[in-house]
Amino acid sequence: MPDIPRSPAIRGTMRFRWTAGPTSGKIHEHVFHDDGTVEWRDPGAAPAAGAERVPFAAYEVTPDVHMVSYLAKKSGFTLTVVLDAATGRMVGIASSSDQWHPVEGTFEVLP
């Protein structure tokens, strides 16, 4: 796999609250690891054994705006979102080989 850009600002746990798209109304916690992988879960659900952990890319657009993308291999969906730290807003696209969904929501960085 080629070198993948990973802005150091995208690390730790972030809570995504979806307000538009196929996951509207849901919350997912994403853990962005130092090794360049991300894993996610529904914080209300029991931890899943063998949760999926995949590589992610993260580009800095400005110091407050980052684009993040990863391919969830189990579902076949790629999530690409733009995170605006100044407003807590995120927008993006969830896509597969035959589906394409605009998504929106808010996010927060957890301690």
Protein backbone atom coordinates (compact mmCIF):
# COMPACT_ATOMS: atom_id res chain seq x y z
CA MET A 1 0.00 0.00 0.00
CA PRO A 2 1.42 3.44 -0.85
CA ASP A 3 2.22 5.97 1.83
CA ILE A 4 -1.06 7.16 3.29
CA PRO A 5 -1.29 10.77 4.51
CA ARG A 6 -2.36 10.93 8.15
CA SER A 7 -2.54 14.35 9.76
CA PRO A 8 -1.34 14.07 13.37
CA ALA A 9 -4.40 16.11 14.42
CA ILE A 10 -6.61 13.08 13.74
CA ARG A 11 -5.86 10.86 16.74
CA GLY A 12 -7.78 9.57 19.72
CA THR A 13 -11.53 9.11 20.11
CA MET A 14 -14.15 11.14 18.27
CA ARG A 15 -17.90 10.86 18.58
CA PHE A 16 -19.80 11.25 15.29
CA ARG A 17 -23.51 12.16 15.56
CA TRP A 18 -25.24 11.63 12.22
CA THR A 19 -28.03 14.06 11.24
CA ALA A 20 -28.45 13.16 7.54
CA GLY A 21 -27.81 10.05 5.48
CA PRO A 22 -28.45 6.34 6.04
CA THR A 23 -27.18 6.48 9.65
CA SER A 24 -29.18 9.61 10.58
CA GLY A 25 -29.98 9.63 14.30
CA LYS A 26 -27.13 7.27 15.19
CA ILE A 27 -23.92 7.90 17.10
CA HIS A 28 -20.61 6.18 16.41
CA GLU A 29 -17.38 6.49 18.34
CA HIS A 30 -14.27 6.33 16.18
CA VAL A 31 -10.84 5.61 17.65
CA PHE A 32 -8.02 6.85 15.42
CA HIS A 33 -4.88 4.96 16.47
CA ASP A 34 -1.26 6.09 16.19
CA ASP A 35 -0.56 3.10 13.91
CA GLY A 36 -2.80 4.61 11.20
CA THR A 37 -5.87 2.45 11.82
CA VAL A 38 -9.38 3.35 12.90
CA GLU A 39 -12.08 1.33 14.61
CA TRP A 40 -15.65 2.40 15.36
CA ARG A 41 -18.65 1.29 17.37
CA ASP A 42 -22.06 2.29 18.61
CA PRO A 43 -21.36 3.52 22.17
CA GLY A 44 -24.70 2.06 23.35
CA ALA A 45 -23.88 -1.44 22.14
CA ALA A 46 -21.77 -4.06 23.85
CA PRO A 47 -18.17 -4.12 22.59
CA ALA A 48 -17.97 -6.51 19.66
CA ALA A 49 -15.32 -9.18 19.72
CA GLY A 50 -13.03 -8.81 16.75
CA ALA A 51 -14.26 -5.31 15.86
CA GLU A 52 -13.10 -4.10 12.46
CA ARG A 53 -9.92 -1.99 12.45
CA VAL A 54 -8.82 -0.59 9.09
CA PRO A 55 -6.33 1.98 7.71
CA PHE A 56 -7.48 5.58 7.40
CA ALA A 57 -6.29 8.66 5.53
CA ALA A 58 -6.43 12.17 7.00
CA TYR A 59 -5.52 15.35 5.14
CA GLU A 60 -5.18 18.76 6.74
CA VAL A 61 -7.06 21.31 4.61
CA THR A 62 -6.58 24.13 7.12
CA PRO A 63 -5.59 23.87 10.79
CA ASP A 64 -9.32 23.56 11.68
CA VAL A 65 -10.51 21.49 8.69
CA HIS A 66 -9.53 17.89 7.94
CA MET A 67 -10.69 15.32 5.41
CA VAL A 68 -10.81 11.74 6.72
CA SER A 69 -11.50 8.58 4.73
CA TYR A 70 -11.52 4.83 5.31
CA LEU A 71 -12.90 1.66 3.73
CA ALA A 72 -15.00 -0.56 6.01
CA LYS A 73 -14.16 -3.92 4.47
CA LYS A 74 -17.00 -5.87 6.15
CA SER A 75 -19.72 -3.61 4.70
CA GLY A 76 -17.86 -2.57 1.56
CA PHE A 77 -18.55 1.11 2.27
CA THR A 78 -16.04 3.92 2.12
CA LEU A 79 -16.68 6.85 4.43
CA THR A 80 -15.13 10.19 3.48
CA VAL A 81 -15.92 13.15 5.71
CA VAL A 82 -14.70 16.70 6.16
CA LEU A 83 -14.41 17.69 9.83
CA ASP A 84 -14.54 21.37 10.79
CA ALA A 85 -13.11 21.70 14.32
CA ALA A 86 -14.16 25.36 14.57
CA THR A 87 -17.86 24.47 14.22
CA GLY A 88 -17.98 20.76 15.10
CA ARG A 89 -19.73 20.11 11.78
CA MET A 90 -18.97 17.24 9.41
CA VAL A 91 -20.13 16.57 5.86
CA GLY A 92 -19.23 13.79 3.52
CA ILE A 93 -20.08 10.80 1.39
CA ALA A 94 -20.65 7.14 2.26
CA SER A 95 -20.25 5.01 -0.86
CA SER A 96 -19.96 1.45 -2.06
CA SER A 97 -19.63 -0.07 -5.51
CA ASP A 98 -23.33 0.58 -6.18
CA GLN A 99 -24.52 3.10 -3.55
CA TRP A 100 -23.70 6.73 -2.84
CA HIS A 101 -25.08 8.70 0.13
CA PRO A 102 -24.39 12.27 1.24
CA VAL A 103 -23.95 12.35 5.04
CA GLU A 104 -23.94 15.13 7.61
CA GLY A 105 -23.59 15.49 11.32
CA THR A 106 -21.55 16.83 14.17
CA PHE A 107 -18.48 15.52 15.91
CA GLU A 108 -16.60 16.00 19.12
CA VAL A 109 -13.19 14.93 20.32
CA LEU A 110 -13.45 12.91 23.52
CA PRO A 111 -10.89 13.11 26.32
